[in-house]
């Protein structure tokens, strides 16, 4: 099992989206995952903690990018 397979389906969807689109905001992530805001926020935070994505901006202009 590789590291990618250890991620949840939702985490994989976010990363695949970022590979194609460079950045994602919370609203778009919520639409993509078809989850509530709170759950989406938890998933994005988990990816930040795992060091896979970075949070940029503040407040309503917050977005996430892949960590290089």
Protein backbone atom coordinates (compact mmCIF):
# COMPACT_ATOMS: atom_id res chain seq x y z
CA UNK A 1 0.00 0.00 0.00
CA UNK A 2 1.44 3.36 -0.98
CA UNK A 3 0.88 6.64 0.88
CA UNK A 4 -1.80 7.78 -1.59
CA UNK A 5 -3.91 4.69 -0.87
CA UNK A 6 -3.80 5.49 2.85
CA UNK A 7 -5.72 8.72 2.29
CA UNK A 8 -9.50 8.81 2.52
CA UNK A 9 -11.52 9.04 -0.68
CA UNK A 10 -12.32 12.66 0.17
CA UNK A 11 -8.65 13.53 0.70
CA UNK A 12 -7.79 11.90 -2.64
CA UNK A 13 -10.50 13.93 -4.42
CA UNK A 14 -9.10 17.19 -3.02
CA UNK A 15 -5.55 16.33 -4.08
CA UNK A 16 -6.63 15.26 -7.58
CA UNK A 17 -8.60 18.50 -7.97
CA UNK A 18 -5.53 20.50 -6.90
CA UNK A 19 -3.33 18.69 -9.43
CA UNK A 20 -5.64 19.90 -12.21
CA UNK A 21 -6.65 23.32 -10.85
CA UNK A 22 -3.76 24.65 -8.68
CA UNK A 23 -6.04 25.96 -5.89
CA UNK A 24 -9.34 25.27 -4.16
CA UNK A 25 -11.45 27.22 -1.69
CA UNK A 26 -13.72 25.79 0.98
CA UNK A 27 -16.90 26.43 -0.98
CA UNK A 28 -15.59 24.55 -4.04
CA UNK A 29 -14.31 21.71 -1.83
CA UNK A 30 -17.75 21.42 -0.19
CA UNK A 31 -19.38 21.15 -3.63
CA UNK A 32 -16.77 18.65 -4.84
CA UNK A 33 -17.10 16.36 -1.82
CA UNK A 34 -20.86 16.85 -1.41
CA UNK A 35 -20.39 17.26 2.34
CA UNK A 36 -21.32 19.88 4.92
CA UNK A 37 -18.99 22.85 5.55
CA UNK A 38 -17.75 21.51 8.89
CA UNK A 39 -16.72 18.10 7.55
CA UNK A 40 -15.04 19.67 4.52
CA UNK A 41 -13.11 22.04 6.82
CA UNK A 42 -11.93 19.06 8.91
CA UNK A 43 -10.67 17.27 5.79
CA UNK A 44 -8.83 20.36 4.52
CA UNK A 45 -7.28 20.90 7.97
CA UNK A 46 -6.17 17.26 8.09
CA UNK A 47 -4.43 17.62 4.72
CA UNK A 48 -2.69 20.78 6.01
CA UNK A 49 -1.55 18.90 9.16
CA UNK A 50 -0.28 16.01 7.04
CA UNK A 51 1.84 18.54 5.13
CA UNK A 52 0.19 17.84 1.76
CA UNK A 53 -1.46 21.22 1.18
CA UNK A 54 -0.95 24.81 2.33
CA UNK A 55 -3.57 27.32 3.51
CA UNK A 56 -3.26 30.77 1.90
CA UNK A 57 -5.17 33.98 2.51
CA UNK A 58 -7.49 34.89 5.37
CA UNK A 59 -11.20 34.79 6.03
CA UNK A 60 -13.42 34.53 2.98
CA UNK A 61 -10.44 34.68 0.64
CA UNK A 62 -8.79 31.57 2.13
CA UNK A 63 -7.76 28.95 -0.41
CA UNK A 64 -5.58 25.85 -0.45
CA UNK A 65 -2.72 24.81 -2.73
CA UNK A 66 -0.53 21.73 -3.03
CA UNK A 67 2.64 21.89 -0.99
CA UNK A 68 5.67 21.77 -3.26
